[in-house]
N, C-alpha and C. Protein backbone atom coordinates (compact mmCIF):
# COMPACT_ATOMS: atom_id res chain seq x y z
N MET A 1 -58.76 -21.06 69.68
CA MET A 1 -58.62 -22.58 69.52
C MET A 1 -57.43 -23.14 70.01
N THR A 2 -57.62 -23.99 70.58
CA THR A 2 -56.16 -24.96 71.26
C THR A 2 -56.24 -26.20 70.76
N LYS A 3 -54.89 -26.55 70.83
CA LYS A 3 -54.47 -28.28 70.07
C LYS A 3 -55.28 -29.22 71.43
N GLU A 4 -56.09 -30.09 70.76
CA GLU A 4 -56.22 -31.16 71.36
C GLU A 4 -55.61 -32.40 71.15
N PRO A 5 -55.30 -32.98 72.24
CA PRO A 5 -53.91 -34.25 72.01
C PRO A 5 -54.58 -35.22 71.15
N ASN A 6 -56.07 -35.73 70.82
CA ASN A 6 -56.29 -36.59 70.53
C ASN A 6 -57.06 -36.46 68.66
N ILE A 7 -57.00 -34.94 68.55
CA ILE A 7 -56.95 -34.62 67.31
C ILE A 7 -55.92 -34.48 66.64
N GLU A 8 -55.73 -35.52 65.33
CA GLU A 8 -54.76 -35.44 64.66
C GLU A 8 -54.71 -34.23 63.51
N LEU A 9 -53.71 -33.37 63.61
CA LEU A 9 -53.60 -32.34 62.84
C LEU A 9 -52.78 -32.65 61.55
N SER A 10 -52.91 -31.69 60.58
CA SER A 10 -52.14 -31.78 59.33
C SER A 10 -50.74 -31.34 59.51
N SER A 11 -49.84 -31.53 58.54
CA SER A 11 -48.39 -30.96 58.74
C SER A 11 -48.30 -29.81 58.56
N PHE A 12 -49.68 -28.65 58.30
CA PHE A 12 -49.51 -27.35 58.54
C PHE A 12 -50.50 -27.02 59.44
N GLY A 13 -50.76 -27.86 60.58
CA GLY A 13 -51.35 -27.49 61.91
C GLY A 13 -52.92 -27.14 62.04
N VAL A 14 -53.78 -27.85 60.74
CA VAL A 14 -55.06 -27.61 60.78
C VAL A 14 -55.71 -28.84 60.55
N SER A 15 -57.00 -29.19 61.58
CA SER A 15 -57.69 -30.59 61.33
C SER A 15 -59.12 -30.08 61.27
N LEU A 16 -59.75 -30.63 60.05
CA LEU A 16 -61.00 -30.04 60.21
C LEU A 16 -62.02 -31.58 60.13
N LYS A 17 -62.78 -31.39 61.10
CA LYS A 17 -63.77 -32.67 61.44
C LYS A 17 -65.12 -32.29 61.12
N GLY A 18 -66.11 -33.08 61.34
CA GLY A 18 -67.62 -33.01 61.09
C GLY A 18 -68.34 -33.09 59.89
N THR A 19 -69.25 -32.60 59.59
CA THR A 19 -70.23 -32.85 58.45
C THR A 19 -70.69 -31.39 57.75
N PRO A 20 -71.05 -30.99 56.74
CA PRO A 20 -71.77 -29.87 56.41
C PRO A 20 -73.08 -29.95 57.11
N GLU A 21 -73.79 -30.92 57.22
CA GLU A 21 -74.92 -30.76 58.14
C GLU A 21 -74.70 -30.57 59.74
N ALA A 22 -73.79 -31.11 60.43
CA ALA A 22 -73.53 -31.04 61.79
C ALA A 22 -72.70 -29.45 62.15
N GLY A 23 -72.02 -29.43 60.75
CA GLY A 23 -71.31 -28.42 61.06
C GLY A 23 -69.58 -29.00 61.18
N HIS A 24 -68.97 -28.05 60.87
CA HIS A 24 -67.56 -28.42 60.58
C HIS A 24 -66.61 -27.84 62.26
N HIS A 25 -65.75 -28.63 62.52
CA HIS A 25 -64.74 -28.31 63.52
C HIS A 25 -63.45 -27.98 63.28
N VAL A 26 -63.26 -27.02 63.79
CA VAL A 26 -61.62 -26.66 63.15
C VAL A 26 -61.07 -26.53 64.68
N HIS A 27 -59.53 -27.46 64.11
CA HIS A 27 -58.62 -27.30 65.47
C HIS A 27 -57.44 -27.16 64.67
N LEU A 28 -56.61 -26.09 65.38
CA LEU A 28 -55.59 -25.27 65.23
C LEU A 28 -54.52 -25.62 65.91
N ALA A 29 -53.23 -25.66 65.66
CA ALA A 29 -52.06 -25.83 66.30
C ALA A 29 -51.68 -24.76 66.90
N LYS A 30 -51.96 -23.64 66.76
CA LYS A 30 -51.82 -22.19 67.34
C LYS A 30 -53.19 -21.22 66.99
N GLU A 31 -53.20 -20.38 67.65
CA GLU A 31 -54.37 -19.48 67.12
C GLU A 31 -54.05 -18.67 66.15
N ASP A 32 -53.05 -18.44 65.53
CA ASP A 32 -52.62 -17.85 64.02
C ASP A 32 -52.16 -18.89 63.07
N THR A 33 -52.78 -19.93 63.00
CA THR A 33 -52.33 -21.12 61.96
C THR A 33 -53.15 -20.64 60.71
N LEU A 34 -54.39 -20.43 60.70
CA LEU A 34 -54.84 -19.85 59.56
C LEU A 34 -54.41 -18.72 58.88
N GLU A 35 -54.16 -17.89 59.84
CA GLU A 35 -53.53 -16.50 59.44
C GLU A 35 -51.96 -16.96 58.39
N ASN A 36 -51.53 -17.76 59.21
CA ASN A 36 -50.41 -18.06 58.62
C ASN A 36 -50.29 -18.91 57.11
N LEU A 37 -51.46 -20.16 57.29
CA LEU A 37 -52.02 -20.84 56.09
C LEU A 37 -51.87 -19.65 54.91
N PHE A 38 -53.18 -18.69 55.23
CA PHE A 38 -53.54 -18.10 53.95
C PHE A 38 -52.52 -16.65 53.75
N GLN A 39 -51.55 -16.67 54.46
CA GLN A 39 -50.61 -15.51 54.46
C GLN A 39 -51.25 -14.35 54.48
N THR A 40 -52.07 -13.93 55.55
CA THR A 40 -52.80 -12.56 55.95
C THR A 40 -52.60 -12.64 57.28
N ASP A 41 -52.70 -11.28 57.99
CA ASP A 41 -52.97 -10.39 59.38
C ASP A 41 -54.07 -10.77 59.72
N LEU A 42 -54.97 -10.42 58.80
CA LEU A 42 -56.37 -10.73 59.06
C LEU A 42 -57.27 -11.68 59.36
N PRO A 43 -57.46 -12.03 60.77
CA PRO A 43 -58.48 -13.28 61.22
C PRO A 43 -59.68 -13.44 60.31
N GLU A 44 -59.98 -12.33 59.96
CA GLU A 44 -62.04 -12.10 59.22
C GLU A 44 -61.08 -12.78 58.01
N MET A 45 -60.12 -12.18 57.20
CA MET A 45 -60.00 -12.73 55.68
C MET A 45 -59.52 -14.34 56.09
N ALA A 46 -58.78 -14.89 56.76
CA ALA A 46 -58.56 -15.94 57.00
C ALA A 46 -59.73 -17.12 57.30
N ASN A 47 -60.71 -16.54 58.32
CA ASN A 47 -61.80 -17.38 58.60
C ASN A 47 -62.73 -17.27 57.24
N GLY A 48 -62.96 -16.23 56.38
CA GLY A 48 -63.93 -16.30 55.30
C GLY A 48 -63.10 -17.14 54.10
N LEU A 49 -61.82 -17.24 53.93
CA LEU A 49 -61.36 -17.94 52.84
C LEU A 49 -61.42 -19.50 53.34
N LEU A 50 -61.41 -19.61 54.71
CA LEU A 50 -61.62 -21.09 55.12
C LEU A 50 -63.05 -21.97 54.74
N SER A 51 -63.73 -20.57 55.07
CA SER A 51 -65.31 -20.76 54.78
C SER A 51 -65.74 -21.14 53.49
N HIS A 52 -64.94 -20.24 52.46
CA HIS A 52 -64.92 -20.49 51.06
C HIS A 52 -64.60 -21.81 50.49
N CYS A 53 -63.67 -22.22 51.00
CA CYS A 53 -63.03 -23.50 50.80
C CYS A 53 -64.12 -24.68 51.19
N LEU A 54 -65.02 -24.52 52.13
CA LEU A 54 -65.71 -25.45 52.32
C LEU A 54 -66.92 -25.29 51.70
N LYS A 55 -67.41 -24.39 51.51
CA LYS A 55 -68.94 -24.02 50.78
C LYS A 55 -68.75 -24.65 48.87
N VAL A 56 -67.41 -24.74 48.53
CA VAL A 56 -67.47 -25.31 47.33
C VAL A 56 -67.29 -26.87 47.29
N LEU A 57 -66.97 -27.32 48.48
CA LEU A 57 -66.69 -28.78 48.17
C LEU A 57 -68.74 -29.43 48.26
N LYS A 58 -68.86 -30.42 48.00
CA LYS A 58 -70.12 -31.30 47.75
C LYS A 58 -69.98 -31.67 49.32
N ALA A 59 -71.24 -32.42 49.63
CA ALA A 59 -71.42 -32.64 51.15
C ALA A 59 -70.45 -33.71 51.37
N ASN A 60 -70.35 -34.86 50.58
CA ASN A 60 -69.56 -35.95 50.64
C ASN A 60 -68.09 -35.54 50.43
N GLU A 61 -67.53 -34.66 50.14
CA GLU A 61 -66.23 -33.86 49.98
C GLU A 61 -65.78 -33.57 50.97
N ALA A 62 -66.96 -33.44 52.08
CA ALA A 62 -66.28 -32.36 53.44
C ALA A 62 -67.19 -32.88 54.32
N SER A 63 -66.93 -34.22 54.49
CA SER A 63 -67.29 -34.90 55.72
C SER A 63 -66.68 -36.02 56.26
N ASP A 64 -66.75 -36.20 57.57
CA ASP A 64 -66.25 -37.59 58.22
C ASP A 64 -66.94 -38.49 57.58
N ASP A 65 -68.02 -38.51 57.26
CA ASP A 65 -68.70 -39.98 57.12
C ASP A 65 -68.03 -40.47 55.56
N PHE A 66 -67.28 -39.70 54.92
CA PHE A 66 -66.95 -40.10 53.48
C PHE A 66 -65.34 -39.81 53.61
N ALA A 67 -64.60 -40.24 54.63
CA ALA A 67 -63.16 -40.29 54.61
C ALA A 67 -62.55 -40.40 53.34
N GLY A 68 -62.99 -41.33 52.49
CA GLY A 68 -61.98 -41.44 51.18
C GLY A 68 -62.10 -40.28 50.13
N ASN A 69 -63.04 -39.55 50.60
CA ASN A 69 -63.41 -38.73 49.25
C ASN A 69 -63.47 -37.37 49.99
N ASP A 70 -62.92 -36.88 51.06
CA ASP A 70 -62.85 -35.59 51.62
C ASP A 70 -61.74 -35.00 51.10
N GLU A 71 -62.19 -34.02 51.01
CA GLU A 71 -61.19 -33.04 50.11
C GLU A 71 -60.64 -31.76 50.76
N ARG A 72 -61.48 -31.79 52.16
CA ARG A 72 -60.95 -30.36 52.99
C ARG A 72 -59.48 -30.12 52.91
N ALA A 73 -58.66 -31.32 53.50
CA ALA A 73 -57.41 -31.10 53.79
C ALA A 73 -56.57 -30.80 52.62
N PHE A 74 -56.85 -31.57 51.53
CA PHE A 74 -56.31 -31.52 49.84
C PHE A 74 -56.46 -29.58 49.78
N MET A 75 -57.58 -29.21 49.71
CA MET A 75 -57.87 -27.81 49.37
C MET A 75 -56.83 -26.76 50.33
N LEU A 76 -56.58 -27.08 51.76
CA LEU A 76 -55.97 -26.12 52.27
C LEU A 76 -54.39 -26.62 51.92
N ALA A 77 -54.12 -27.53 51.69
CA ALA A 77 -52.68 -27.97 51.47
C ALA A 77 -52.24 -27.25 50.06
N ALA A 78 -53.15 -27.58 49.02
CA ALA A 78 -53.11 -26.82 48.08
C ALA A 78 -52.83 -25.19 47.89
N ILE A 79 -53.47 -24.46 48.73
CA ILE A 79 -53.39 -23.18 49.17
C ILE A 79 -52.05 -22.83 49.80
N LYS A 80 -51.63 -23.54 50.75
CA LYS A 80 -50.16 -23.34 51.10
C LYS A 80 -49.32 -23.78 50.44
N GLU A 81 -49.24 -24.84 49.24
CA GLU A 81 -48.47 -24.69 48.55
C GLU A 81 -48.14 -23.65 47.41
N LEU A 82 -49.44 -23.00 46.82
CA LEU A 82 -49.34 -21.83 46.33
C LEU A 82 -48.78 -20.62 46.59
N ALA A 83 -48.74 -20.82 48.26
CA ALA A 83 -48.24 -19.57 49.05
C ALA A 83 -48.31 -18.39 48.71
N PRO A 84 -49.97 -17.91 48.67
CA PRO A 84 -50.16 -16.63 48.20
C PRO A 84 -49.44 -15.56 48.88
N ARG A 85 -48.93 -14.31 48.54
CA ARG A 85 -48.65 -13.19 48.74
C ARG A 85 -49.58 -12.15 49.24
N ASP A 86 -50.74 -11.97 48.29
CA ASP A 86 -51.83 -10.50 48.98
C ASP A 86 -52.77 -11.09 48.49
N ALA A 87 -54.24 -10.21 48.83
CA ALA A 87 -55.33 -10.67 48.63
C ALA A 87 -55.62 -11.31 47.50
N VAL A 88 -55.12 -10.74 46.25
CA VAL A 88 -55.88 -11.33 45.25
C VAL A 88 -55.02 -12.72 45.15
N GLU A 89 -54.18 -13.14 45.15
CA GLU A 89 -53.31 -14.55 45.19
C GLU A 89 -54.33 -15.16 46.28
N ARG A 90 -54.59 -14.83 47.33
CA ARG A 90 -55.13 -15.54 48.41
C ARG A 90 -56.50 -16.13 47.84
N MET A 91 -57.19 -14.99 47.18
CA MET A 91 -58.59 -15.57 46.52
C MET A 91 -58.23 -16.34 45.33
N LEU A 92 -57.64 -16.15 44.39
CA LEU A 92 -57.35 -16.84 43.49
C LEU A 92 -56.79 -18.22 43.64
N ALA A 93 -56.25 -18.22 44.94
CA ALA A 93 -55.32 -19.80 45.48
C ALA A 93 -56.95 -20.41 45.80
N VAL A 94 -57.79 -20.09 46.36
CA VAL A 94 -59.16 -20.78 46.56
C VAL A 94 -59.86 -21.20 45.55
N GLN A 95 -60.14 -19.92 44.40
CA GLN A 95 -60.63 -20.63 43.37
C GLN A 95 -59.80 -21.74 42.74
N MET A 96 -58.42 -21.73 42.66
CA MET A 96 -57.61 -22.72 42.17
C MET A 96 -57.79 -24.14 42.58
N ALA A 97 -57.76 -24.10 44.14
CA ALA A 97 -58.15 -25.40 44.44
C ALA A 97 -59.92 -25.95 43.99
N ALA A 98 -60.51 -24.92 44.21
CA ALA A 98 -61.87 -25.39 44.07
C ALA A 98 -61.78 -25.81 42.42
N THR A 99 -61.32 -25.29 41.45
CA THR A 99 -61.61 -25.62 40.27
C THR A 99 -60.72 -27.19 40.00
N HIS A 100 -59.69 -27.39 40.81
CA HIS A 100 -58.93 -28.57 40.69
C HIS A 100 -59.89 -29.71 40.90
N VAL A 101 -60.23 -29.47 42.39
CA VAL A 101 -61.37 -30.43 42.87
C VAL A 101 -62.54 -30.84 41.79
N ALA A 102 -62.91 -30.01 41.25
CA ALA A 102 -64.35 -29.73 40.32
C ALA A 102 -63.68 -30.59 39.15
N MET A 103 -62.55 -30.40 38.24
CA MET A 103 -62.16 -30.85 37.39
C MET A 103 -61.80 -32.25 37.54
N VAL A 104 -61.18 -32.69 38.96
CA VAL A 104 -61.30 -34.14 39.11
C VAL A 104 -62.37 -34.87 39.42
N ARG A 105 -63.50 -34.38 40.14
CA ARG A 105 -64.94 -34.67 39.87
C ARG A 105 -65.26 -34.87 38.51
N ALA A 106 -65.58 -34.18 37.96
CA ALA A 106 -65.98 -34.24 36.38
C ALA A 106 -65.04 -35.36 35.59
N GLY A 107 -63.65 -35.29 35.87
CA GLY A 107 -63.19 -36.79 35.28
C GLY A 107 -63.51 -37.81 35.97
N ARG A 108 -64.06 -37.87 37.10
CA ARG A 108 -64.70 -39.05 37.67
C ARG A 108 -65.67 -39.41 37.07
N TRP A 109 -66.63 -38.37 37.09
CA TRP A 109 -67.97 -38.53 36.40
C TRP A 109 -67.70 -38.87 34.98
N LEU A 110 -66.99 -38.62 34.32
CA LEU A 110 -66.67 -39.05 32.70
C LEU A 110 -66.31 -40.41 32.79
N ALA A 111 -65.03 -40.76 33.58
CA ALA A 111 -64.97 -42.01 33.76
C ALA A 111 -66.31 -43.19 33.62
N SER A 112 -66.99 -42.86 34.25
CA SER A 112 -68.40 -43.67 34.61
C SER A 112 -69.46 -43.36 33.77
N ALA A 113 -69.15 -42.53 32.95
CA ALA A 113 -70.46 -42.39 32.26
C ALA A 113 -70.72 -43.37 31.35
N ASP A 114 -72.09 -43.79 31.24
CA ASP A 114 -72.52 -44.92 30.84
C ASP A 114 -73.43 -44.64 29.22
N THR A 115 -73.22 -43.55 28.97
CA THR A 115 -74.22 -43.27 27.91
C THR A 115 -73.23 -42.09 27.19
N VAL A 116 -73.40 -42.06 25.61
CA VAL A 116 -72.77 -41.04 24.71
C VAL A 116 -73.06 -39.94 25.49
N GLU A 117 -74.36 -39.53 25.57
CA GLU A 117 -74.93 -38.16 25.95
C GLU A 117 -73.92 -37.47 27.44
N LYS A 118 -74.25 -38.74 28.40
CA LYS A 118 -73.48 -38.36 29.48
C LYS A 118 -71.97 -38.36 29.32
N ALA A 119 -71.20 -38.99 28.66
CA ALA A 119 -69.50 -38.84 28.71
C ALA A 119 -69.77 -37.35 27.71
N THR A 120 -70.43 -37.12 26.98
CA THR A 120 -70.46 -35.74 25.86
C THR A 120 -70.45 -34.57 26.98
N ALA A 121 -71.54 -34.62 27.80
CA ALA A 121 -71.65 -33.61 29.08
C ALA A 121 -70.27 -33.34 29.99
N TYR A 122 -70.20 -34.70 30.43
CA TYR A 122 -69.03 -34.67 31.20
C TYR A 122 -67.94 -34.00 30.90
N ASN A 123 -67.28 -34.62 29.36
CA ASN A 123 -66.39 -34.22 28.59
C ASN A 123 -66.28 -32.65 28.54
N SER A 124 -67.14 -32.21 28.38
CA SER A 124 -67.42 -30.58 28.02
C SER A 124 -67.18 -30.06 29.41
N SER A 125 -67.64 -30.81 30.62
CA SER A 125 -67.43 -29.97 31.78
C SER A 125 -66.16 -29.99 32.30
N TYR A 126 -65.36 -31.23 31.82
CA TYR A 126 -64.15 -31.49 31.98
C TYR A 126 -63.31 -30.51 31.40
N THR A 127 -63.33 -30.19 30.25
CA THR A 127 -62.60 -29.37 29.29
C THR A 127 -62.74 -28.05 29.85
N LYS A 128 -64.02 -27.67 30.07
CA LYS A 128 -63.79 -26.08 30.61
C LYS A 128 -63.38 -26.03 31.88
N LEU A 129 -63.19 -27.09 32.53
CA LEU A 129 -62.72 -26.67 34.08
C LEU A 129 -61.39 -26.57 33.89
N ALA A 130 -60.66 -27.23 32.98
CA ALA A 130 -58.95 -27.39 32.48
C ALA A 130 -58.71 -26.33 31.89
N ARG A 131 -59.62 -25.84 31.29
CA ARG A 131 -59.38 -24.35 30.73
C ARG A 131 -59.43 -23.27 31.55
N THR A 132 -60.22 -23.40 32.39
CA THR A 132 -60.24 -22.32 33.32
C THR A 132 -59.33 -22.56 34.67
N TYR A 133 -58.84 -23.75 34.81
CA TYR A 133 -57.34 -23.84 35.44
C TYR A 133 -56.23 -23.27 34.84
N THR A 134 -56.14 -23.59 33.35
CA THR A 134 -55.05 -23.01 33.08
C THR A 134 -55.17 -21.46 32.87
N ALA A 135 -56.27 -20.69 32.88
CA ALA A 135 -56.46 -19.37 33.01
C ALA A 135 -56.03 -18.72 34.24
N GLN A 136 -56.58 -19.43 35.04
CA GLN A 136 -56.15 -19.03 36.80
C GLN A 136 -54.73 -19.18 36.91
N MET A 137 -53.98 -20.22 36.41
CA MET A 137 -52.43 -20.33 36.39
C MET A 137 -51.83 -19.34 36.17
N GLU A 138 -52.08 -18.83 34.71
CA GLU A 138 -51.74 -17.59 33.81
C GLU A 138 -52.16 -16.34 34.48
N ALA A 139 -53.19 -16.16 35.12
CA ALA A 139 -53.78 -15.14 35.64
C ALA A 139 -52.62 -14.70 37.19
N LEU A 140 -52.32 -15.74 37.81
CA LEU A 140 -51.44 -15.87 38.77
C LEU A 140 -50.02 -15.54 38.57
N ARG A 141 -49.51 -16.38 37.20
CA ARG A 141 -48.35 -15.86 36.85
C ARG A 141 -48.30 -14.14 36.31
N LYS A 142 -49.09 -13.79 35.77
CA LYS A 142 -49.08 -12.53 35.34
C LYS A 142 -49.07 -11.31 36.50
N HIS A 143 -50.01 -11.65 37.57
CA HIS A 143 -50.29 -11.26 38.79
C HIS A 143 -48.51 -10.97 39.76
N ARG A 144 -47.97 -12.02 39.72
CA ARG A 144 -46.96 -12.30 40.40
C ARG A 144 -45.77 -11.55 39.61
N ASN A 145 -45.60 -11.55 37.87
CA ASN A 145 -44.50 -10.93 37.58
C ASN A 145 -45.19 -9.43 36.84
N GLY A 146 -46.08 -9.12 37.25
CA GLY A 146 -46.39 -7.61 37.27
C GLY A 146 -46.90 -7.41 35.83
N GLY A 147 -47.10 -8.87 34.96
CA GLY A 147 -47.71 -8.54 33.62
C GLY A 147 -46.48 -8.43 32.71
N LYS A 148 -45.17 -8.74 33.30
CA LYS A 148 -44.15 -8.94 32.06
C LYS A 148 -43.81 -10.25 31.60
N GLN A 149 -43.56 -10.59 30.93
CA GLN A 149 -42.99 -12.03 30.46
C GLN A 149 -41.52 -12.07 30.51
N THR A 150 -40.89 -13.13 30.89
CA THR A 150 -39.47 -13.30 30.83
C THR A 150 -39.27 -14.43 30.02
N VAL A 151 -38.12 -14.13 28.77
CA VAL A 151 -37.92 -15.45 28.17
C VAL A 151 -36.40 -15.32 28.38
N THR A 152 -35.98 -16.72 28.85
CA THR A 152 -34.52 -17.00 29.02
C THR A 152 -33.84 -17.84 28.02
N VAL A 153 -32.94 -17.43 27.30
CA VAL A 153 -32.33 -18.32 26.34
C VAL A 153 -31.29 -18.68 27.16
N GLN A 154 -31.23 -20.20 26.81
CA GLN A 154 -30.08 -21.30 27.94
C GLN A 154 -28.80 -21.22 27.05
N HIS A 155 -28.80 -21.62 25.61
CA HIS A 155 -27.79 -21.68 24.54
C HIS A 155 -28.07 -20.99 23.55
N VAL A 156 -26.83 -20.47 22.96
CA VAL A 156 -26.49 -19.80 21.57
C VAL A 156 -25.52 -20.15 20.82
N ASN A 157 -26.02 -20.70 19.79
CA ASN A 157 -24.69 -21.02 18.69
C ASN A 157 -24.60 -19.74 17.43
N VAL A 158 -23.44 -19.44 17.53
CA VAL A 158 -23.15 -18.71 16.52
C VAL A 158 -21.96 -19.14 15.70
N GLU A 159 -22.48 -19.40 14.61
CA GLU A 159 -21.18 -20.11 13.53
C GLU A 159 -20.46 -19.20 12.79
N GLY A 160 -19.25 -19.88 12.65
CA GLY A 160 -18.12 -19.04 11.82
C GLY A 160 -18.96 -17.57 11.13
N GLY A 161 -18.25 -16.53 11.38
CA GLY A 161 -18.42 -15.36 10.46
C GLY A 161 -20.19 -14.85 10.96
N GLY A 162 -20.55 -15.32 11.72
CA GLY A 162 -22.15 -15.13 12.24
C GLY A 162 -21.42 -13.95 13.56
N GLN A 163 -22.84 -13.31 13.72
CA GLN A 163 -22.91 -12.06 15.01
C GLN A 163 -23.88 -12.85 15.77
N ALA A 164 -23.93 -12.13 16.97
CA ALA A 164 -25.40 -12.38 17.74
C ALA A 164 -24.99 -11.06 18.33
N ILE A 165 -26.36 -10.67 19.06
CA ILE A 165 -26.55 -9.64 19.86
C ILE A 165 -27.29 -9.95 20.99
N VAL A 166 -26.77 -9.43 22.37
CA VAL A 166 -27.39 -9.97 23.69
C VAL A 166 -27.85 -8.38 24.12
N GLY A 167 -29.24 -8.69 24.35
CA GLY A 167 -29.69 -7.46 24.93
C GLY A 167 -31.04 -7.25 24.40
N ASN A 168 -31.62 -5.88 24.49
CA ASN A 168 -33.01 -5.77 24.14
C ASN A 168 -33.09 -5.00 22.79
N VAL A 169 -33.49 -5.98 21.94
CA VAL A 169 -33.63 -5.66 20.16
C VAL A 169 -34.55 -5.02 20.08
N GLN A 170 -34.95 -3.83 19.31
CA GLN A 170 -36.14 -3.28 19.09
C GLN A 170 -36.27 -2.97 17.43
N THR A 171 -37.36 -3.62 16.60
CA THR A 171 -36.88 -3.19 15.46
C THR A 171 -38.23 -2.22 14.93
N GLY A 172 -38.19 -1.81 13.88
CA GLY A 172 -39.21 -0.90 12.84
C GLY A 172 -38.95 0.70 13.24
N GLU A 173 -37.69 0.88 13.89
CA GLU A 173 -37.46 2.38 13.84
C GLU A 173 -36.18 2.25 12.87
N GLY A 174 -36.52 3.11 11.98
CA GLY A 174 -35.50 3.38 10.90
C GLY A 174 -34.95 4.81 11.03
N ARG A 175 -33.77 5.13 10.29
CA ARG A 175 -33.34 5.90 10.28
C ARG A 175 -33.98 7.06 9.45
N SER A 176 -34.15 8.42 9.35
CA SER A 176 -34.84 9.33 8.44
C SER A 176 -33.61 10.07 7.36
């Protein structure tokens, strides 16, 4: 794909035009722009992930006909910002972007609910999506840290006569 002069590309070199019904037209600054965006050497993976980004959006969220509601560029920008490092992170980044968009959608529905029943249902959806997003963030953190949790102590005050130990402290091992 080549860059066309009349197509406005995003800051990361991708422009999506069209509608779900008529099809999406992808314009790239360079041939490997999607691979760079998704941090993969496999064009098949990059194209599949782009397709997944578009599939999860409602028709009016992925269409030139509803520019104020278009989430296509946001989805890709969110993934770019997450900077996935491997296949697991790439797929999780797409899921996180989709969950965020769905959560904002549910929040919009909640804000416009005109009955208690609707408000209750939309609040439930919003809450579940918010919890899912938090779980996804935790999964990403654990994956990136190899499951290890790191605690950093910024300040330690030791009063006169007190003692401090710096290092790994294990308890429960007594002497015989």
